[in-house]
Amino acid sequence: MSLPGGCGSRHRVRLEHLKPGERRRVLVDTPEGLEPAMFWLGEEGAPLAVSSWKDIFVTGNGRCARRGLDIRCHPHMLRHSFAVVTLEQLQRGHIRELEDMSPAQRTHYTQVFGDPLDWVRRRLGHASVTTTQVYLHCLAEVEMATRLALVPDSWDDPRDTSPELIGDDAAPPDDQAVPRGADLGDGEGRE
């Protein structure tokens, strides 16, 4: 962002280098005029103090509890949710784009668009990608929960099935065997 300096000059300052009190005074010049550049604004449009927006979560959590809902949220949870959802979407798109590319095209694509984990790291302000890698663990948990939710309740766990009902490793009888060289429906013969 550009700030006024002495004698009519201006100098650039990165927003993340401003202190919270300084950030509350930042305005954005819009077609409708100057507006606060804060995410958390009060009813009058003025930036909220940190204690005020934390109270919003306390109030919301209390309302949920009074209605018997086992739901709680806090500001860091929003940051965490942003990271997990963004990383999942970026990785999904990244993989979809890379799957039909040659190795050279993949290298070029990655150089242009970067690594999804690093993109999220920069948005969260982490100094090291190692800190951001905790979200990969969350993605694995979400994927497993999703897969388990897709398993029908009537599905029997094969670990609970007795070995006698599973069968043995013996070859099928000759009358059920697939002849060598036969087409298996995938365009390839059995060797």
N, C-alpha and C. Protein backbone atom coordinates (compact mmCIF):
# COMPACT_ATOMS: atom_id res chain seq x y z
N MET A 1 0.84 -1.17 0.00
CA MET A 1 0.00 0.00 0.00
C MET A 1 0.89 1.23 0.00
N SER A 2 0.36 2.32 -0.45
CA SER A 2 1.13 3.55 -0.57
C SER A 2 0.70 4.51 0.53
N LEU A 3 1.67 5.05 1.27
CA LEU A 3 1.40 5.99 2.36
C LEU A 3 2.02 7.34 2.05
N PRO A 4 1.35 8.41 2.52
CA PRO A 4 1.94 9.73 2.29
C PRO A 4 3.18 9.93 3.16
N GLY A 5 4.18 10.56 2.59
CA GLY A 5 5.40 10.88 3.32
C GLY A 5 5.54 12.38 3.46
N GLY A 6 6.71 12.84 3.80
CA GLY A 6 6.96 14.27 3.94
C GLY A 6 7.08 14.96 2.60
N CYS A 7 6.76 16.24 2.53
CA CYS A 7 6.89 17.07 1.32
C CYS A 7 6.12 16.51 0.14
N GLY A 8 4.96 15.91 0.38
CA GLY A 8 4.12 15.40 -0.71
C GLY A 8 4.57 14.09 -1.32
N SER A 9 5.62 13.48 -0.77
CA SER A 9 6.08 12.20 -1.31
C SER A 9 5.23 11.05 -0.76
N ARG A 10 5.38 9.90 -1.36
CA ARG A 10 4.65 8.70 -0.93
C ARG A 10 5.65 7.56 -0.83
N HIS A 11 5.40 6.63 0.08
CA HIS A 11 6.24 5.43 0.16
C HIS A 11 5.35 4.20 0.34
N ARG A 12 5.87 3.06 -0.14
CA ARG A 12 5.09 1.82 -0.10
C ARG A 12 5.39 1.05 1.17
N VAL A 13 4.33 0.49 1.77
CA VAL A 13 4.45 -0.31 2.98
C VAL A 13 3.59 -1.55 2.77
N ARG A 14 4.14 -2.70 3.14
CA ARG A 14 3.35 -3.94 3.04
C ARG A 14 2.35 -3.96 4.19
N LEU A 15 1.10 -4.30 3.88
CA LEU A 15 0.02 -4.30 4.86
C LEU A 15 0.36 -5.18 6.07
N GLU A 16 1.01 -6.31 5.84
CA GLU A 16 1.31 -7.22 6.95
C GLU A 16 2.33 -6.64 7.93
N HIS A 17 3.00 -5.55 7.53
CA HIS A 17 3.98 -4.92 8.41
C HIS A 17 3.34 -3.89 9.35
N LEU A 18 2.06 -3.58 9.13
CA LEU A 18 1.37 -2.63 9.99
C LEU A 18 0.93 -3.30 11.28
N LYS A 19 0.92 -2.55 12.36
CA LYS A 19 0.42 -3.04 13.65
C LYS A 19 -1.11 -3.03 13.60
N PRO A 20 -1.78 -3.83 14.47
CA PRO A 20 -3.25 -3.87 14.45
C PRO A 20 -3.91 -2.49 14.54
N GLY A 21 -3.40 -1.62 15.39
CA GLY A 21 -3.97 -0.28 15.50
C GLY A 21 -3.83 0.51 14.21
N GLU A 22 -2.71 0.33 13.52
CA GLU A 22 -2.49 1.02 12.25
C GLU A 22 -3.41 0.44 11.16
N ARG A 23 -3.60 -0.86 11.19
CA ARG A 23 -4.48 -1.49 10.19
C ARG A 23 -5.92 -0.99 10.31
N ARG A 24 -6.36 -0.72 11.55
CA ARG A 24 -7.73 -0.24 11.75
C ARG A 24 -7.95 1.13 11.11
N ARG A 25 -6.88 1.86 10.87
CA ARG A 25 -7.01 3.20 10.27
C ARG A 25 -6.85 3.19 8.74
N VAL A 26 -6.61 2.03 8.15
CA VAL A 26 -6.41 1.95 6.70
C VAL A 26 -7.76 2.07 5.99
N LEU A 27 -7.78 2.91 4.97
CA LEU A 27 -8.99 3.11 4.17
C LEU A 27 -8.71 2.72 2.73
N VAL A 28 -9.76 2.32 2.03
CA VAL A 28 -9.67 1.97 0.62
C VAL A 28 -10.48 3.00 -0.16
N ASP A 29 -9.90 3.49 -1.24
CA ASP A 29 -10.58 4.48 -2.08
C ASP A 29 -11.46 3.72 -3.08
N THR A 30 -12.77 3.79 -2.91
CA THR A 30 -13.72 3.10 -3.78
C THR A 30 -14.52 4.14 -4.57
N PRO A 31 -15.28 3.72 -5.58
CA PRO A 31 -16.12 4.69 -6.31
C PRO A 31 -17.11 5.41 -5.41
N GLU A 32 -17.48 4.77 -4.28
CA GLU A 32 -18.42 5.39 -3.34
C GLU A 32 -17.70 6.27 -2.32
N GLY A 33 -16.39 6.36 -2.38
CA GLY A 33 -15.62 7.15 -1.43
C GLY A 33 -14.72 6.26 -0.59
N LEU A 34 -14.12 6.84 0.45
CA LEU A 34 -13.21 6.08 1.31
C LEU A 34 -14.01 5.15 2.23
N GLU A 35 -13.51 3.88 2.33
CA GLU A 35 -14.15 2.88 3.18
C GLU A 35 -13.07 2.18 3.99
N PRO A 36 -13.42 1.69 5.20
CA PRO A 36 -12.43 0.95 5.99
C PRO A 36 -12.00 -0.32 5.25
N ALA A 37 -10.72 -0.63 5.35
CA ALA A 37 -10.17 -1.82 4.68
C ALA A 37 -10.16 -3.01 5.62
N MET A 38 -11.00 -2.99 6.62
CA MET A 38 -11.04 -4.06 7.62
C MET A 38 -12.09 -5.10 7.24
N PHE A 39 -11.84 -6.33 7.65
CA PHE A 39 -12.82 -7.40 7.44
C PHE A 39 -13.93 -7.31 8.48
N TRP A 40 -13.56 -7.03 9.72
CA TRP A 40 -14.54 -6.99 10.82
C TRP A 40 -14.98 -5.55 11.05
N LEU A 41 -16.17 -5.21 10.54
CA LEU A 41 -16.71 -3.87 10.69
C LEU A 41 -17.96 -3.91 11.56
N GLY A 42 -18.17 -2.86 12.32
CA GLY A 42 -19.37 -2.74 13.14
C GLY A 42 -20.54 -2.27 12.31
N GLU A 43 -21.70 -2.09 12.98
CA GLU A 43 -22.91 -1.66 12.28
C GLU A 43 -22.75 -0.28 11.65
N GLU A 44 -21.90 0.56 12.23
CA GLU A 44 -21.68 1.89 11.67
C GLU A 44 -20.63 1.89 10.56
N GLY A 45 -20.02 0.73 10.31
CA GLY A 45 -19.00 0.64 9.26
C GLY A 45 -17.60 0.90 9.75
N ALA A 46 -17.44 1.13 11.04
CA ALA A 46 -16.10 1.37 11.59
C ALA A 46 -15.46 0.04 11.97
N PRO A 47 -14.14 -0.06 11.90
CA PRO A 47 -13.46 -1.30 12.28
C PRO A 47 -13.70 -1.65 13.75
N LEU A 48 -13.88 -2.94 14.02
CA LEU A 48 -14.08 -3.41 15.39
C LEU A 48 -12.74 -3.66 16.06
N ALA A 49 -12.72 -3.48 17.35
CA ALA A 49 -11.55 -3.85 18.14
C ALA A 49 -11.49 -5.37 18.21
N VAL A 50 -10.31 -5.92 18.43
CA VAL A 50 -10.14 -7.37 18.50
C VAL A 50 -11.08 -7.98 19.55
N SER A 51 -11.19 -7.33 20.71
CA SER A 51 -12.06 -7.87 21.76
C SER A 51 -13.52 -7.92 21.31
N SER A 52 -13.94 -6.96 20.48
CA SER A 52 -15.33 -6.93 20.01
C SER A 52 -15.64 -8.10 19.09
N TRP A 53 -14.72 -8.37 18.13
CA TRP A 53 -15.05 -9.46 17.22
C TRP A 53 -14.89 -10.81 17.89
N LYS A 54 -14.06 -10.92 18.90
CA LYS A 54 -13.99 -12.18 19.66
C LYS A 54 -15.29 -12.40 20.42
N ASP A 55 -15.88 -11.30 20.93
CA ASP A 55 -17.17 -11.39 21.64
C ASP A 55 -18.28 -11.89 20.71
N ILE A 56 -18.17 -11.59 19.42
CA ILE A 56 -19.17 -12.07 18.46
C ILE A 56 -19.21 -13.60 18.46
N PHE A 57 -18.05 -14.22 18.52
CA PHE A 57 -17.99 -15.69 18.54
C PHE A 57 -18.53 -16.24 19.86
N VAL A 58 -18.21 -15.58 20.96
CA VAL A 58 -18.71 -16.02 22.26
C VAL A 58 -20.23 -15.95 22.27
N THR A 59 -20.80 -14.86 21.75
CA THR A 59 -22.25 -14.70 21.68
C THR A 59 -22.88 -15.78 20.79
N GLY A 60 -22.30 -15.99 19.62
CA GLY A 60 -22.82 -17.01 18.70
C GLY A 60 -22.76 -18.41 19.29
N ASN A 61 -21.65 -18.73 19.94
CA ASN A 61 -21.52 -20.05 20.58
C ASN A 61 -22.56 -20.22 21.67
N GLY A 62 -22.83 -19.15 22.43
CA GLY A 62 -23.85 -19.21 23.49
C GLY A 62 -25.23 -19.45 22.92
N ARG A 63 -25.55 -18.78 21.80
CA ARG A 63 -26.85 -18.99 21.16
C ARG A 63 -27.02 -20.44 20.71
N CYS A 64 -25.99 -21.00 20.13
CA CYS A 64 -26.05 -22.40 19.69
C CYS A 64 -26.25 -23.33 20.88
N ALA A 65 -25.53 -23.08 21.96
CA ALA A 65 -25.63 -23.94 23.14
C ALA A 65 -27.04 -23.86 23.74
N ARG A 66 -27.62 -22.66 23.79
CA ARG A 66 -28.98 -22.52 24.34
C ARG A 66 -30.01 -23.25 23.50
N ARG A 67 -29.73 -23.44 22.23
CA ARG A 67 -30.66 -24.15 21.34
C ARG A 67 -30.33 -25.63 21.25
N GLY A 68 -29.38 -26.07 22.06
CA GLY A 68 -29.03 -27.49 22.09
C GLY A 68 -28.14 -27.94 20.95
N LEU A 69 -27.53 -27.01 20.25
CA LEU A 69 -26.65 -27.37 19.14
C LEU A 69 -25.21 -27.51 19.64
N ASP A 70 -24.60 -28.62 19.33
CA ASP A 70 -23.22 -28.86 19.76
C ASP A 70 -22.27 -28.30 18.71
N ILE A 71 -22.31 -26.99 18.52
CA ILE A 71 -21.50 -26.30 17.52
C ILE A 71 -20.77 -25.16 18.22
N ARG A 72 -19.48 -25.09 18.00
CA ARG A 72 -18.67 -23.99 18.53
C ARG A 72 -17.72 -23.52 17.44
N CYS A 73 -17.45 -22.24 17.45
CA CYS A 73 -16.53 -21.68 16.47
C CYS A 73 -15.70 -20.59 17.13
N HIS A 74 -14.51 -20.40 16.64
CA HIS A 74 -13.65 -19.32 17.12
C HIS A 74 -12.87 -18.80 15.92
N PRO A 75 -12.29 -17.62 16.01
CA PRO A 75 -11.62 -17.02 14.85
C PRO A 75 -10.58 -17.93 14.21
N HIS A 76 -9.79 -18.63 15.02
CA HIS A 76 -8.75 -19.47 14.44
C HIS A 76 -9.35 -20.63 13.63
N MET A 77 -10.57 -21.06 14.02
CA MET A 77 -11.24 -22.12 13.27
C MET A 77 -11.54 -21.67 11.84
N LEU A 78 -11.89 -20.39 11.67
CA LEU A 78 -12.13 -19.87 10.33
C LEU A 78 -10.85 -19.90 9.51
N ARG A 79 -9.74 -19.54 10.12
CA ARG A 79 -8.44 -19.59 9.45
C ARG A 79 -8.11 -21.02 9.05
N HIS A 80 -8.34 -21.95 9.97
CA HIS A 80 -8.07 -23.36 9.73
C HIS A 80 -8.96 -23.89 8.59
N SER A 81 -10.25 -23.55 8.65
CA SER A 81 -11.18 -23.99 7.60
C SER A 81 -10.77 -23.43 6.25
N PHE A 82 -10.40 -22.16 6.21
CA PHE A 82 -9.93 -21.56 4.97
C PHE A 82 -8.75 -22.35 4.41
N ALA A 83 -7.80 -22.67 5.27
CA ALA A 83 -6.59 -23.37 4.83
C ALA A 83 -6.91 -24.75 4.27
N VAL A 84 -7.73 -25.51 5.00
CA VAL A 84 -8.04 -26.88 4.58
C VAL A 84 -8.84 -26.88 3.27
N VAL A 85 -9.89 -26.07 3.20
CA VAL A 85 -10.73 -26.05 2.00
C VAL A 85 -9.95 -25.52 0.79
N THR A 86 -9.17 -24.47 0.99
CA THR A 86 -8.39 -23.90 -0.11
C THR A 86 -7.35 -24.90 -0.60
N LEU A 87 -6.65 -25.53 0.32
CA LEU A 87 -5.63 -26.50 -0.06
C LEU A 87 -6.26 -27.67 -0.81
N GLU A 88 -7.40 -28.15 -0.33
CA GLU A 88 -8.08 -29.27 -1.00
C GLU A 88 -8.47 -28.89 -2.42
N GLN A 89 -9.05 -27.71 -2.59
CA GLN A 89 -9.48 -27.27 -3.91
C GLN A 89 -8.29 -27.03 -4.85
N LEU A 90 -7.24 -26.42 -4.33
CA LEU A 90 -6.05 -26.18 -5.16
C LEU A 90 -5.40 -27.50 -5.58
N GLN A 91 -5.28 -28.44 -4.64
CA GLN A 91 -4.67 -29.72 -4.98
C GLN A 91 -5.52 -30.48 -5.99
N ARG A 92 -6.82 -30.47 -5.78
CA ARG A 92 -7.72 -31.16 -6.73
C ARG A 92 -7.55 -30.59 -8.13
N GLY A 93 -7.55 -29.26 -8.25
CA GLY A 93 -7.38 -28.62 -9.55
C GLY A 93 -6.00 -28.86 -10.12
N HIS A 94 -4.99 -28.82 -9.27
CA HIS A 94 -3.60 -29.05 -9.69
C HIS A 94 -3.46 -30.46 -10.28
N ILE A 95 -3.98 -31.45 -9.58
CA ILE A 95 -3.88 -32.84 -10.03
C ILE A 95 -4.64 -33.03 -11.33
N ARG A 96 -5.84 -32.43 -11.43
CA ARG A 96 -6.65 -32.55 -12.65
C ARG A 96 -5.90 -31.98 -13.85
N GLU A 97 -5.23 -30.85 -13.67
CA GLU A 97 -4.50 -30.23 -14.76
C GLU A 97 -3.26 -31.03 -15.15
N LEU A 98 -2.59 -31.61 -14.17
CA LEU A 98 -1.32 -32.29 -14.42
C LEU A 98 -1.48 -33.69 -15.03
N GLU A 99 -2.64 -34.32 -14.84
CA GLU A 99 -2.76 -35.73 -15.20
C GLU A 99 -2.54 -36.02 -16.68
N ASP A 100 -2.88 -35.12 -17.56
CA ASP A 100 -2.73 -35.38 -19.00
C ASP A 100 -1.50 -34.70 -19.60
N MET A 101 -0.59 -34.23 -18.77
CA MET A 101 0.58 -33.50 -19.26
C MET A 101 1.82 -34.38 -19.29
N SER A 102 2.71 -34.00 -20.17
CA SER A 102 4.01 -34.66 -20.22
C SER A 102 4.85 -34.15 -19.04
N PRO A 103 5.96 -34.83 -18.72
CA PRO A 103 6.82 -34.33 -17.62
C PRO A 103 7.28 -32.89 -17.83
N ALA A 104 7.62 -32.52 -19.06
CA ALA A 104 8.07 -31.15 -19.33
C ALA A 104 6.93 -30.15 -19.10
N GLN A 105 5.72 -30.51 -19.54
CA GLN A 105 4.56 -29.64 -19.33
C GLN A 105 4.25 -29.50 -17.85
N ARG A 106 4.37 -30.60 -17.10
CA ARG A 106 4.13 -30.56 -15.66
C ARG A 106 5.10 -29.61 -14.97
N THR A 107 6.37 -29.69 -15.36
CA THR A 107 7.39 -28.81 -14.78
C THR A 107 7.05 -27.35 -15.06
N HIS A 108 6.68 -27.07 -16.32
CA HIS A 108 6.33 -25.70 -16.70
C HIS A 108 5.09 -25.23 -15.92
N TYR A 109 4.06 -26.06 -15.84
CA TYR A 109 2.83 -25.72 -15.12
C TYR A 109 3.14 -25.39 -13.66
N THR A 110 3.96 -26.21 -13.02
CA THR A 110 4.31 -26.00 -11.62
C THR A 110 5.12 -24.72 -11.45
N GLN A 111 5.99 -24.42 -12.41
CA GLN A 111 6.76 -23.19 -12.33
C GLN A 111 5.86 -21.96 -12.45
N VAL A 112 4.84 -22.07 -13.29
CA VAL A 112 3.93 -20.93 -13.50
C VAL A 112 2.96 -20.78 -12.34
N PHE A 113 2.32 -21.89 -11.94
CA PHE A 113 1.26 -21.81 -10.94
C PHE A 113 1.71 -22.13 -9.52
N GLY A 114 2.89 -22.67 -9.36
CA GLY A 114 3.43 -22.93 -8.02
C GLY A 114 2.84 -24.15 -7.35
N ASP A 115 3.23 -24.31 -6.11
CA ASP A 115 2.81 -25.44 -5.30
C ASP A 115 1.61 -25.00 -4.45
N PRO A 116 0.50 -25.76 -4.46
CA PRO A 116 -0.66 -25.38 -3.65
C PRO A 116 -0.33 -25.19 -2.16
N LEU A 117 0.51 -26.04 -1.61
CA LEU A 117 0.87 -25.93 -0.20
C LEU A 117 1.61 -24.62 0.06
N ASP A 118 2.49 -24.22 -0.85
CA ASP A 118 3.21 -22.97 -0.68
C ASP A 118 2.28 -21.78 -0.83
N TRP A 119 1.29 -21.87 -1.73
CA TRP A 119 0.32 -20.79 -1.91
C TRP A 119 -0.43 -20.55 -0.61
N VAL A 120 -0.91 -21.63 0.02
CA VAL A 120 -1.62 -21.51 1.28
C VAL A 120 -0.67 -20.99 2.37
N ARG A 121 0.56 -21.47 2.38
CA ARG A 121 1.56 -21.01 3.37
C ARG A 121 1.69 -19.49 3.34
N ARG A 122 1.81 -18.95 2.14
CA ARG A 122 1.98 -17.50 2.01
C ARG A 122 0.74 -16.74 2.47
N ARG A 123 -0.46 -17.27 2.17
CA ARG A 123 -1.69 -16.58 2.59
C ARG A 123 -1.86 -16.61 4.10
N LEU A 124 -1.37 -17.67 4.76
CA LEU A 124 -1.49 -17.76 6.21
C LEU A 124 -0.36 -17.02 6.93
N GLY A 125 0.67 -16.63 6.18
CA GLY A 125 1.78 -15.92 6.78
C GLY A 125 2.78 -16.83 7.49
N HIS A 126 2.77 -18.12 7.18
CA HIS A 126 3.74 -19.04 7.78
C HIS A 126 5.13 -18.79 7.19
N ALA A 127 6.14 -18.83 8.04
CA ALA A 127 7.51 -18.65 7.56
C ALA A 127 8.01 -19.89 6.84
N SER A 128 7.53 -21.05 7.27
CA SER A 128 8.00 -22.32 6.70
C SER A 128 6.82 -23.16 6.22
N VAL A 129 7.02 -23.85 5.11
CA VAL A 129 5.98 -24.75 4.60
C VAL A 129 5.76 -25.92 5.56
N THR A 130 6.73 -26.20 6.40
CA THR A 130 6.58 -27.28 7.39
C THR A 130 5.41 -26.99 8.32
N THR A 131 5.24 -25.74 8.68
CA THR A 131 4.12 -25.36 9.55
C THR A 131 2.79 -25.60 8.84
N THR A 132 2.74 -25.34 7.55
CA THR A 132 1.51 -25.49 6.77
C THR A 132 1.18 -26.96 6.51
N GLN A 133 2.16 -27.83 6.58
CA GLN A 133 1.94 -29.25 6.28
C GLN A 133 0.95 -29.91 7.23
N VAL A 134 0.66 -29.31 8.37
CA VAL A 134 -0.33 -29.88 9.29
C VAL A 134 -1.69 -30.02 8.58
N TYR A 135 -1.96 -29.16 7.62
CA TYR A 135 -3.23 -29.21 6.90
C TYR A 135 -3.32 -30.42 5.97
N LEU A 136 -2.18 -30.97 5.57
CA LEU A 136 -2.21 -32.20 4.77
C LEU A 136 -2.79 -33.35 5.59
N HIS A 137 -2.45 -33.38 6.87
CA HIS A 137 -3.00 -34.41 7.77
C HIS A 137 -4.51 -34.25 7.86
N CYS A 138 -4.98 -33.01 7.94
CA CYS A 138 -6.42 -32.75 8.00
C CYS A 138 -7.11 -33.22 6.73
N LEU A 139 -6.46 -33.01 5.58
CA LEU A 139 -7.04 -33.46 4.31
C LEU A 139 -7.19 -34.97 4.29
N ALA A 140 -6.19 -35.68 4.81
CA ALA A 140 -6.26 -37.14 4.85
C ALA A 140 -7.42 -37.59 5.73
N GLU A 141 -7.63 -36.91 6.86
CA GLU A 141 -8.74 -37.25 7.75
C GLU A 141 -10.08 -36.98 7.07
N VAL A 142 -10.19 -35.85 6.37
CA VAL A 142 -11.44 -35.53 5.67
C VAL A 142 -11.71 -36.55 4.58
N GLU A 143 -10.67 -36.94 3.85
CA GLU A 143 -10.84 -37.93 2.79
C GLU A 143 -11.32 -39.27 3.36
N MET A 144 -10.73 -39.70 4.47
CA MET A 144 -11.13 -40.97 5.07
C MET A 144 -12.56 -40.88 5.60
N ALA A 145 -12.93 -39.79 6.24
CA ALA A 145 -14.30 -39.63 6.74
C ALA A 145 -15.29 -39.66 5.58
N THR A 146 -14.92 -39.04 4.46
CA THR A 146 -15.79 -39.03 3.28
C THR A 146 -15.96 -40.44 2.74
N ARG A 147 -14.85 -41.16 2.63
CA ARG A 147 -14.92 -42.54 2.12
C ARG A 147 -15.77 -43.42 3.03
N LEU A 148 -15.60 -43.28 4.33
CA LEU A 148 -16.38 -44.09 5.26
C LEU A 148 -17.86 -43.74 5.20
N ALA A 149 -18.17 -42.48 4.96
CA ALA A 149 -19.57 -42.08 4.85
C ALA A 149 -20.22 -42.69 3.62
N LEU A 150 -19.44 -43.02 2.60
CA LEU A 150 -19.97 -43.61 1.37
C LEU A 150 -20.20 -45.11 1.47
N VAL A 151 -19.68 -45.74 2.53
CA VAL A 151 -19.84 -47.17 2.71
C VAL A 151 -21.25 -47.42 3.26
N PRO A 152 -22.05 -48.26 2.58
CA PRO A 152 -23.41 -48.51 3.07
C PRO A 152 -23.39 -49.23 4.41
N ASP A 153 -24.43 -48.97 5.21
CA ASP A 153 -24.52 -49.60 6.53
C ASP A 153 -24.60 -51.12 6.42
N SER A 154 -25.10 -51.63 5.30
CA SER A 154 -25.26 -53.07 5.13
C SER A 154 -23.95 -53.77 4.76
N TRP A 155 -22.90 -53.01 4.52
CA TRP A 155 -21.62 -53.58 4.12
C TRP A 155 -21.02 -54.37 5.26
N ASP A 156 -20.56 -55.57 4.95
CA ASP A 156 -19.92 -56.42 5.96
C ASP A 156 -18.43 -56.18 5.92
N ASP A 157 -17.84 -56.00 7.08
CA ASP A 157 -16.40 -55.83 7.19
C ASP A 157 -15.74 -57.18 6.89
N PRO A 158 -14.87 -57.27 5.88
CA PRO A 158 -14.26 -58.56 5.54
C PRO A 158 -13.43 -59.13 6.68
N ARG A 159 -13.02 -58.30 7.62
CA ARG A 159 -12.26 -58.81 8.76
C ARG A 159 -13.14 -59.65 9.69
N ASP A 160 -14.47 -59.44 9.58
CA ASP A 160 -15.40 -60.20 10.41
C ASP A 160 -15.89 -61.48 9.73
N THR A 161 -15.47 -61.73 8.49
CA THR A 161 -15.89 -62.90 7.74
C THR A 161 -14.93 -64.06 7.99
N SER A 162 -15.50 -65.22 8.26
CA SER A 162 -14.63 -66.37 8.54
C SER A 162 -13.91 -66.79 7.26
N PRO A 163 -12.67 -67.28 7.39
CA PRO A 163 -11.88 -67.67 6.21
C PRO A 163 -12.57 -68.73 5.36
N GLU A 164 -13.39 -69.60 5.94
CA GLU A 164 -14.07 -70.64 5.16
C GLU A 164 -15.02 -70.04 4.13
N LEU A 165 -15.60 -68.87 4.47
CA LEU A 165 -16.55 -68.25 3.55
C LEU A 165 -15.87 -67.41 2.47
N ILE A 166 -14.61 -67.07 2.68
CA ILE A 166 -13.89 -66.24 1.72
C ILE A 166 -13.41 -67.07 0.55
N GLY A 167 -12.99 -68.28 0.78
CA GLY A 167 -12.47 -69.12 -0.29
C GLY A 167 -11.00 -69.41 -0.05
N ASP A 168 -10.41 -70.07 -1.02
CA ASP A 168 -9.00 -70.40 -0.88
C ASP A 168 -8.22 -69.85 -2.07
N ASP A 169 -6.95 -70.10 -2.07
CA ASP A 169 -6.08 -69.59 -3.13
C ASP A 169 -5.94 -70.56 -4.30
N ALA A 170 -6.71 -71.63 -4.30
CA ALA A 170 -6.61 -72.62 -5.38
C ALA A 170 -7.10 -72.03 -6.69
N ALA A 171 -6.54 -72.48 -7.78
CA ALA A 171 -6.96 -72.04 -9.11
C ALA A 171 -8.39 -72.49 -9.36
N PRO A 172 -9.14 -71.76 -10.17
CA PRO A 172 -10.51 -72.18 -10.47
C PRO A 172 -10.48 -73.48 -11.29
N PRO A 173 -11.58 -74.24 -11.24
CA PRO A 173 -11.64 -75.46 -12.05
C PRO A 173 -11.44 -75.11 -13.53
N ASP A 174 -10.96 -76.08 -14.30
CA ASP A 174 -10.65 -75.84 -15.71
C ASP A 174 -11.83 -75.31 -16.50
N ASP A 175 -13.04 -75.73 -16.15
CA ASP A 175 -14.20 -75.27 -16.91
C ASP A 175 -14.52 -73.80 -16.63
N GLN A 176 -13.93 -73.17 -15.57
CA GLN A 176 -14.16 -71.76 -15.25
C GLN A 176 -12.93 -70.90 -15.55
N ALA A 177 -11.84 -71.53 -15.94
CA ALA A 177 -10.61 -70.79 -16.19
C ALA A 177 -10.73 -69.99 -17.48
N VAL A 178 -10.10 -68.83 -17.52
CA VAL A 178 -10.08 -68.00 -18.72
C VAL A 178 -8.94 -68.50 -19.60
N PRO A 179 -9.23 -68.88 -20.85
CA PRO A 179 -8.16 -69.40 -21.71
C PRO A 179 -7.09 -68.35 -21.99
N ARG A 180 -5.87 -68.83 -22.14
CA ARG A 180 -4.73 -67.97 -22.45
C ARG A 180 -5.01 -67.25 -23.78
N GLY A 181 -4.73 -65.90 -23.78
CA GLY A 181 -4.94 -65.11 -25.00
C GLY A 181 -6.37 -64.62 -25.16
N ALA A 182 -7.29 -64.99 -24.26
CA ALA A 182 -8.69 -64.56 -24.38
C ALA A 182 -8.81 -63.07 -24.08
N ASP A 183 -9.75 -62.39 -24.76
CA ASP A 183 -10.00 -60.98 -24.52
C ASP A 183 -10.79 -60.85 -23.23
N LEU A 184 -10.26 -60.03 -22.28
CA LEU A 184 -10.90 -59.88 -20.97
C LEU A 184 -11.85 -58.68 -20.95
N GLY A 185 -12.16 -58.11 -22.10
CA GLY A 185 -13.08 -56.98 -22.16
C GLY A 185 -12.37 -55.65 -22.05
N ASP A 186 -11.07 -55.66 -21.81
CA ASP A 186 -10.34 -54.40 -21.72
C ASP A 186 -9.43 -54.21 -22.94
N GLY A 187 -9.64 -55.05 -23.95
CA GLY A 187 -8.85 -54.94 -25.17
C GLY A 187 -7.51 -55.64 -25.09
N GLU A 188 -7.23 -56.28 -23.96
CA GLU A 188 -5.96 -56.97 -23.82
C GLU A 188 -6.22 -58.45 -23.56
N GLY A 189 -5.39 -59.28 -24.12
CA GLY A 189 -5.52 -60.72 -23.92
C GLY A 189 -4.83 -61.17 -22.65
N ARG A 190 -5.26 -62.30 -22.11
CA ARG A 190 -4.66 -62.87 -20.91
C ARG A 190 -3.38 -63.60 -21.31
N GLU A 191 -2.29 -63.33 -20.62
CA GLU A 191 -1.02 -64.00 -20.91
C GLU A 191 -0.68 -64.95 -19.81
